[in-house]
Amino acid sequence: MPFAQSRGGATSPSQITAEGMREVLQQRRNTMFTKKFKALQAISESMGENNDCSVKAVAMFCNVRYTVAHAALAKAGRRKGRGSTPDRIKTVVNSITGKDHEYLYPLDARQKALGWTNSIGCDAKTPATFVRKSPVKGGQLVIVNGHIIYMKDGIIHDHDSCNKRRIVMVMNHAE
């Protein structure tokens, strides 16, 4: 636990442990408003968009301009100011890259008990743990509850580290 808790459950700055501070700093390092994300955010704001995490993630994953990803998702059925479904995202990514990408799913406890191997390559449940444990290098789309983020080489390119959200599925770059 990163913070020492008092009886009432409140945490004061003097109660932050050294280990807790290292954990907080590591999470901040792994989440970056990169130059590319900032540029995509500026274009998004200039277009009056919101709820466009799928557009930004697809643009970064496919290495295309925001407007290209925006138009492709709109053609696939995304409405302005609305999110997009994993199926639409997969269709658009496959269309833009010309490769067949598949989603990988984390295993639940029952599947692990049956001896199934984990298709995402580690037992991470949140993006923060996925960053630390994932053996995969390169770009990945990580879909969490209600959001999608782009990760590349252990860095989350988003406005949020999504530490409280569970990984639903992951898409790696196709070989």
C-alpha atoms as a PDB file:
ATOM      1  CA  MET A   1       0.000   0.000   0.000  1.00  0.00           C
ATOM      2  CA  PRO A   2       1.618   3.272  -1.060  1.00  0.00           C
ATOM      3  CA  PHE A   3       0.218   5.416   1.738  1.00  0.00           C
ATOM      4  CA  ALA A   4       0.167   4.787   5.451  1.00  0.00           C
ATOM      5  CA  GLN A   5      -3.434   5.044   6.669  1.00  0.00           C
ATOM      6  CA  SER A   6      -4.470   6.655   9.939  1.00  0.00           C
ATOM      7  CA  ARG A   7      -7.319   5.234  12.012  1.00  0.00           C
ATOM      8  CA  GLY A   8      -9.897   7.409  10.289  1.00  0.00           C
ATOM      9  CA  GLY A   9      -8.638   6.296   6.890  1.00  0.00           C
ATOM     10  CA  ALA A  10      -7.276   9.749   6.012  1.00  0.00           C
ATOM     11  CA  THR A  11      -3.775  10.086   4.664  1.00  0.00           C
ATOM     12  CA  SER A  12      -1.597  13.097   5.304  1.00  0.00           C
ATOM     13  CA  PRO A  13       1.518  14.015   3.281  1.00  0.00           C
ATOM     14  CA  SER A  14       3.705  13.138   6.266  1.00  0.00           C
ATOM     15  CA  GLN A  15       2.346   9.570   6.166  1.00  0.00           C
ATOM     16  CA  ILE A  16       3.445   8.840   2.603  1.00  0.00           C
ATOM     17  CA  THR A  17       5.976   6.032   2.650  1.00  0.00           C
ATOM     18  CA  ALA A  18       9.113   6.055   0.515  1.00  0.00           C
ATOM     19  CA  GLU A  19       7.861   2.980  -1.333  1.00  0.00           C
ATOM     20  CA  GLY A  20       4.517   4.664  -1.912  1.00  0.00           C
ATOM     21  CA  MET A  21       6.166   7.767  -3.335  1.00  0.00           C
ATOM     22  CA  ARG A  22       8.268   5.639  -5.711  1.00  0.00           C
ATOM     23  CA  GLU A  23       5.105   3.859  -6.869  1.00  0.00           C
ATOM     24  CA  VAL A  24       3.277   7.144  -7.505  1.00  0.00           C
ATOM     25  CA  LEU A  25       6.252   8.595  -9.412  1.00  0.00           C
ATOM     26  CA  GLN A  26       6.584   5.417 -11.509  1.00  0.00           C
ATOM     27  CA  GLN A  27       2.888   5.585 -12.452  1.00  0.00           C
ATOM     28  CA  ARG A  28       3.301   9.213 -13.495  1.00  0.00           C
ATOM     29  CA  ARG A  29       6.388   8.354 -15.555  1.00  0.00           C
ATOM     30  CA  ASN A  30       4.477   5.573 -17.328  1.00  0.00           C
ATOM     31  CA  THR A  31       1.671   7.968 -18.296  1.00  0.00           C
ATOM     32  CA  MET A  32       2.748  10.729 -20.584  1.00  0.00           C
ATOM     33  CA  PHE A  33       1.186  13.619 -22.354  1.00  0.00           C
ATOM     34  CA  THR A  34       3.584  12.937 -25.200  1.00  0.00           C
ATOM     35  CA  LYS A  35       4.054  15.493 -27.967  1.00  0.00           C
ATOM     36  CA  LYS A  36       1.973  13.326 -30.270  1.00  0.00           C
ATOM     37  CA  PHE A  37      -0.861  12.982 -27.735  1.00  0.00           C
ATOM     38  CA  LYS A  38      -0.819  16.747 -27.088  1.00  0.00           C
ATOM     39  CA  ALA A  39      -0.999  17.406 -30.840  1.00  0.00           C
ATOM     40  CA  LEU A  40      -3.923  15.002 -31.205  1.00  0.00           C
ATOM     41  CA  GLN A  41      -5.652  16.662 -28.252  1.00  0.00           C
ATOM     42  CA  ALA A  42      -5.247  20.098 -29.860  1.00  0.00           C
ATOM     43  CA  ILE A  43      -6.743  18.879 -33.154  1.00  0.00           C
ATOM     44  CA  SER A  44      -9.578  17.202 -31.250  1.00  0.00           C
ATOM     45  CA  GLU A  45     -10.384  20.431 -29.409  1.00  0.00           C
ATOM     46  CA  SER A  46     -10.217  22.476 -32.619  1.00  0.00           C
ATOM     47  CA  MET A  47     -12.777  20.095 -34.153  1.00  0.00           C
ATOM     48  CA  GLY A  48     -15.022  20.417 -31.088  1.00  0.00           C
ATOM     49  CA  GLU A  49     -14.648  16.712 -30.304  1.00  0.00           C
ATOM     50  CA  ASN A  50     -14.925  14.901 -27.005  1.00  0.00           C
ATOM     51  CA  ASN A  51     -15.146  11.221 -26.063  1.00  0.00           C
ATOM     52  CA  ASP A  52     -12.672  10.578 -28.857  1.00  0.00           C
ATOM     53  CA  CYS A  53     -10.165   8.347 -27.095  1.00  0.00           C
ATOM     54  CA  SER A  54     -10.727   5.741 -29.831  1.00  0.00           C
ATOM     55  CA  VAL A  55      -9.775   8.247 -32.531  1.00  0.00           C
ATOM     56  CA  LYS A  56      -6.568   9.237 -30.747  1.00  0.00           C
ATOM     57  CA  ALA A  57      -5.623   5.627 -29.954  1.00  0.00           C
ATOM     58  CA  VAL A  58      -6.250   4.478 -33.546  1.00  0.00           C
ATOM     59  CA  ALA A  59      -4.277   7.439 -34.929  1.00  0.00           C
ATOM     60  CA  MET A  60      -1.270   6.577 -32.753  1.00  0.00           C
ATOM     61  CA  PHE A  61      -1.545   2.796 -33.249  1.00  0.00           C
ATOM     62  CA  CYS A  62      -1.796   3.099 -37.035  1.00  0.00           C
ATOM     63  CA  ASN A  63       0.604   6.063 -37.218  1.00  0.00           C
ATOM     64  CA  VAL A  64      -1.836   8.231 -39.182  1.00  0.00           C
ATOM     65  CA  ARG A  65      -3.165  11.767 -38.758  1.00  0.00           C
ATOM     66  CA  TYR A  66      -6.062  12.405 -36.382  1.00  0.00           C
ATOM     67  CA  THR A  67      -8.308  13.434 -39.277  1.00  0.00           C
ATOM     68  CA  VAL A  68      -7.657  10.134 -41.087  1.00  0.00           C
ATOM     69  CA  ALA A  69      -8.553   8.074 -38.000  1.00  0.00           C
ATOM     70  CA  HIS A  70     -11.547  10.345 -37.318  1.00  0.00           C
ATOM     71  CA  ALA A  71     -12.897   9.939 -40.859  1.00  0.00           C
ATOM     72  CA  ALA A  72     -12.345   6.157 -40.860  1.00  0.00           C
ATOM     73  CA  LEU A  73     -14.163   5.705 -37.532  1.00  0.00           C
ATOM     74  CA  ALA A  74     -16.975   8.007 -38.699  1.00  0.00           C
ATOM     75  CA  LYS A  75     -17.337   5.910 -41.847  1.00  0.00           C
ATOM     76  CA  ALA A  76     -17.502   2.802 -39.627  1.00  0.00           C
ATOM     77  CA  GLY A  77     -20.355   4.346 -37.621  1.00  0.00           C
ATOM     78  CA  ARG A  78     -18.812   6.462 -34.853  1.00  0.00           C
ATOM     79  CA  ARG A  79     -20.842   9.598 -34.144  1.00  0.00           C
ATOM     80  CA  LYS A  80     -19.290  12.906 -33.110  1.00  0.00           C
ATOM     81  CA  GLY A  81     -18.877  13.180 -29.340  1.00  0.00           C
ATOM     82  CA  ARG A  82     -19.441   9.465 -28.844  1.00  0.00           C
ATOM     83  CA  GLY A  83     -17.113   6.582 -28.181  1.00  0.00           C
ATOM     84  CA  SER A  84     -16.634   3.616 -30.455  1.00  0.00           C
ATOM     85  CA  THR A  85     -17.038  -0.124 -30.071  1.00  0.00           C
ATOM     86  CA  PRO A  86     -14.126  -2.586 -30.083  1.00  0.00           C
ATOM     87  CA  ASP A  87     -15.493  -4.153 -33.280  1.00  0.00           C
ATOM     88  CA  ARG A  88     -15.490  -0.805 -35.098  1.00  0.00           C
ATOM     89  CA  ILE A  89     -11.996  -0.058 -33.840  1.00  0.00           C
ATOM     90  CA  LYS A  90     -10.724  -3.447 -35.041  1.00  0.00           C
ATOM     91  CA  THR A  91     -12.365  -2.983 -38.459  1.00  0.00           C
ATOM     92  CA  VAL A  92     -10.810   0.466 -38.867  1.00  0.00           C
ATOM     93  CA  VAL A  93      -7.351  -0.643 -37.697  1.00  0.00           C
ATOM     94  CA  ASN A  94      -7.409  -3.604 -40.104  1.00  0.00           C
ATOM     95  CA  SER A  95      -8.589  -1.330 -42.915  1.00  0.00           C
ATOM     96  CA  ILE A  96      -5.935   1.348 -42.333  1.00  0.00           C
ATOM     97  CA  THR A  97      -2.998  -1.024 -41.800  1.00  0.00           C
ATOM     98  CA  GLY A  98      -4.017  -3.685 -44.309  1.00  0.00           C
ATOM     99  CA  LYS A  99      -3.202  -6.362 -41.708  1.00  0.00           C
ATOM    100  CA  ASP A 100      -5.434  -8.649 -39.686  1.00  0.00           C
ATOM    101  CA  HIS A 101      -5.290  -7.702 -36.003  1.00  0.00           C
ATOM    102  CA  GLU A 102      -6.952  -9.733 -33.272  1.00  0.00           C
ATOM    103  CA  TYR A 103      -7.859  -8.890 -29.703  1.00  0.00           C
ATOM    104  CA  LEU A 104      -6.303 -10.854 -26.871  1.00  0.00           C
ATOM    105  CA  TYR A 105      -8.222 -11.334 -23.639  1.00  0.00           C
ATOM    106  CA  PRO A 106      -7.007 -11.682 -20.044  1.00  0.00           C
ATOM    107  CA  LEU A 107      -8.004 -14.907 -18.309  1.00  0.00           C
ATOM    108  CA  ASP A 108     -10.401 -15.057 -15.397  1.00  0.00           C
ATOM    109  CA  ALA A 109      -9.814 -17.227 -12.298  1.00  0.00           C
ATOM    110  CA  ARG A 110     -11.869 -20.138 -13.657  1.00  0.00           C
ATOM    111  CA  GLN A 111      -9.876 -20.268 -16.888  1.00  0.00           C
ATOM    112  CA  LYS A 112      -6.589 -20.157 -14.967  1.00  0.00           C
ATOM    113  CA  ALA A 113      -7.787 -23.029 -12.736  1.00  0.00           C
ATOM    114  CA  LEU A 114      -8.500 -25.056 -15.872  1.00  0.00           C
ATOM    115  CA  GLY A 115      -4.876 -24.553 -16.943  1.00  0.00           C
ATOM    116  CA  TRP A 116      -5.460 -22.151 -19.822  1.00  0.00           C
ATOM    117  CA  THR A 117      -2.498 -19.994 -20.751  1.00  0.00           C
ATOM    118  CA  ASN A 118      -2.914 -16.251 -20.737  1.00  0.00           C
ATOM    119  CA  SER A 119      -3.155 -14.814 -24.227  1.00  0.00           C
ATOM    120  CA  ILE A 120      -1.962 -11.302 -23.268  1.00  0.00           C
ATOM    121  CA  GLY A 121       1.299 -12.743 -21.987  1.00  0.00           C
ATOM    122  CA  CYS A 122       1.020 -11.784 -18.307  1.00  0.00           C
ATOM    123  CA  ASP A 123      -1.481 -11.763 -15.469  1.00  0.00           C
ATOM    124  CA  ALA A 124      -1.970  -7.983 -15.380  1.00  0.00           C
ATOM    125  CA  LYS A 125      -5.410  -6.675 -14.530  1.00  0.00           C
ATOM    126  CA  THR A 126      -4.815  -2.914 -14.929  1.00  0.00           C
ATOM    127  CA  PRO A 127      -2.776  -0.899 -17.449  1.00  0.00           C
ATOM    128  CA  ALA A 128      -0.249   0.077 -14.759  1.00  0.00           C
ATOM    129  CA  THR A 129       0.549  -3.585 -14.040  1.00  0.00           C
ATOM    130  CA  PHE A 130       0.431  -4.403 -17.748  1.00  0.00           C
ATOM    131  CA  VAL A 131       3.151  -1.802 -18.366  1.00  0.00           C
ATOM    132  CA  ARG A 132       5.395  -3.491 -15.794  1.00  0.00           C
ATOM    133  CA  LYS A 133       4.656  -7.121 -16.685  1.00  0.00           C
ATOM    134  CA  SER A 134       3.992  -7.212 -20.427  1.00  0.00           C
ATOM    135  CA  PRO A 135       6.685  -9.014 -22.420  1.00  0.00           C
ATOM    136  CA  VAL A 136       5.483  -7.362 -25.643  1.00  0.00           C
ATOM    137  CA  LYS A 137       7.356  -4.390 -27.047  1.00  0.00           C
ATOM    138  CA  GLY A 138       5.936  -2.033 -29.615  1.00  0.00           C
ATOM    139  CA  GLY A 139       2.484  -0.493 -29.884  1.00  0.00           C
ATOM    140  CA  GLN A 140      -0.636  -1.882 -28.247  1.00  0.00           C
ATOM    141  CA  LEU A 141      -4.242  -0.788 -27.984  1.00  0.00           C
ATOM    142  CA  VAL A 142      -5.498  -1.534 -24.490  1.00  0.00           C
ATOM    143  CA  ILE A 143      -9.248  -1.481 -23.982  1.00  0.00           C
ATOM    144  CA  VAL A 144     -10.324  -0.962 -20.393  1.00  0.00           C
ATOM    145  CA  ASN A 145     -13.822  -0.480 -19.017  1.00  0.00           C
ATOM    146  CA  GLY A 146     -15.194   2.573 -20.828  1.00  0.00           C
ATOM    147  CA  HIS A 147     -11.899   3.752 -22.357  1.00  0.00           C
ATOM    148  CA  ILE A 148      -9.141   2.830 -24.805  1.00  0.00           C
ATOM    149  CA  ILE A 149      -5.498   3.751 -24.467  1.00  0.00           C
ATOM    150  CA  TYR A 150      -2.410   3.427 -26.619  1.00  0.00           C
ATOM    151  CA  MET A 151       0.751   1.986 -25.085  1.00  0.00           C
ATOM    152  CA  LYS A 152       4.141   1.766 -26.694  1.00  0.00           C
ATOM    153  CA  ASP A 153       7.273   0.282 -25.172  1.00  0.00           C
ATOM    154  CA  GLY A 154       5.973   0.552 -21.614  1.00  0.00           C
ATOM    155  CA  ILE A 155       4.602   4.089 -21.859  1.00  0.00           C
ATOM    156  CA  ILE A 156       0.895   4.906 -21.713  1.00  0.00           C
ATOM    157  CA  HIS A 157       0.132   7.671 -24.220  1.00  0.00           C
ATOM    158  CA  ASP A 158      -3.033   9.107 -22.735  1.00  0.00           C
ATOM    159  CA  HIS A 159      -4.347  11.707 -20.328  1.00  0.00           C
ATOM    160  CA  ASP A 160      -5.018   9.031 -17.703  1.00  0.00           C
ATOM    161  CA  SER A 161      -3.154   5.953 -16.503  1.00  0.00           C
ATOM    162  CA  CYS A 162      -6.499   4.140 -15.988  1.00  0.00           C
ATOM    163  CA  ASN A 163      -5.137   2.491 -12.831  1.00  0.00           C
ATOM    164  CA  LYS A 164      -8.633   1.934 -11.447  1.00  0.00           C
ATOM    165  CA  ARG A 165      -9.933   0.296 -14.629  1.00  0.00           C
ATOM    166  CA  ARG A 166      -9.662  -3.365 -15.585  1.00  0.00           C
ATOM    167  CA  ILE A 167      -8.183  -4.507 -18.874  1.00  0.00           C
ATOM    168  CA  VAL A 168     -10.903  -5.929 -21.111  1.00  0.00           C
ATOM    169  CA  MET A 169      -8.786  -6.712 -24.172  1.00  0.00           C
ATOM    170  CA  VAL A 170      -5.480  -5.887 -25.863  1.00  0.00           C
ATOM    171  CA  MET A 171      -4.500  -5.567 -29.522  1.00  0.00           C
ATOM    172  CA  ASN A 172      -0.833  -5.928 -30.489  1.00  0.00           C
ATOM    173  CA  HIS A 173       0.643  -4.844 -33.801  1.00  0.00           C
ATOM    174  CA  ALA A 174       0.237  -7.662 -36.321  1.00  0.00           C
ATOM    175  CA  GLU A 175       3.429  -9.185 -37.644  1.00  0.00           C
END
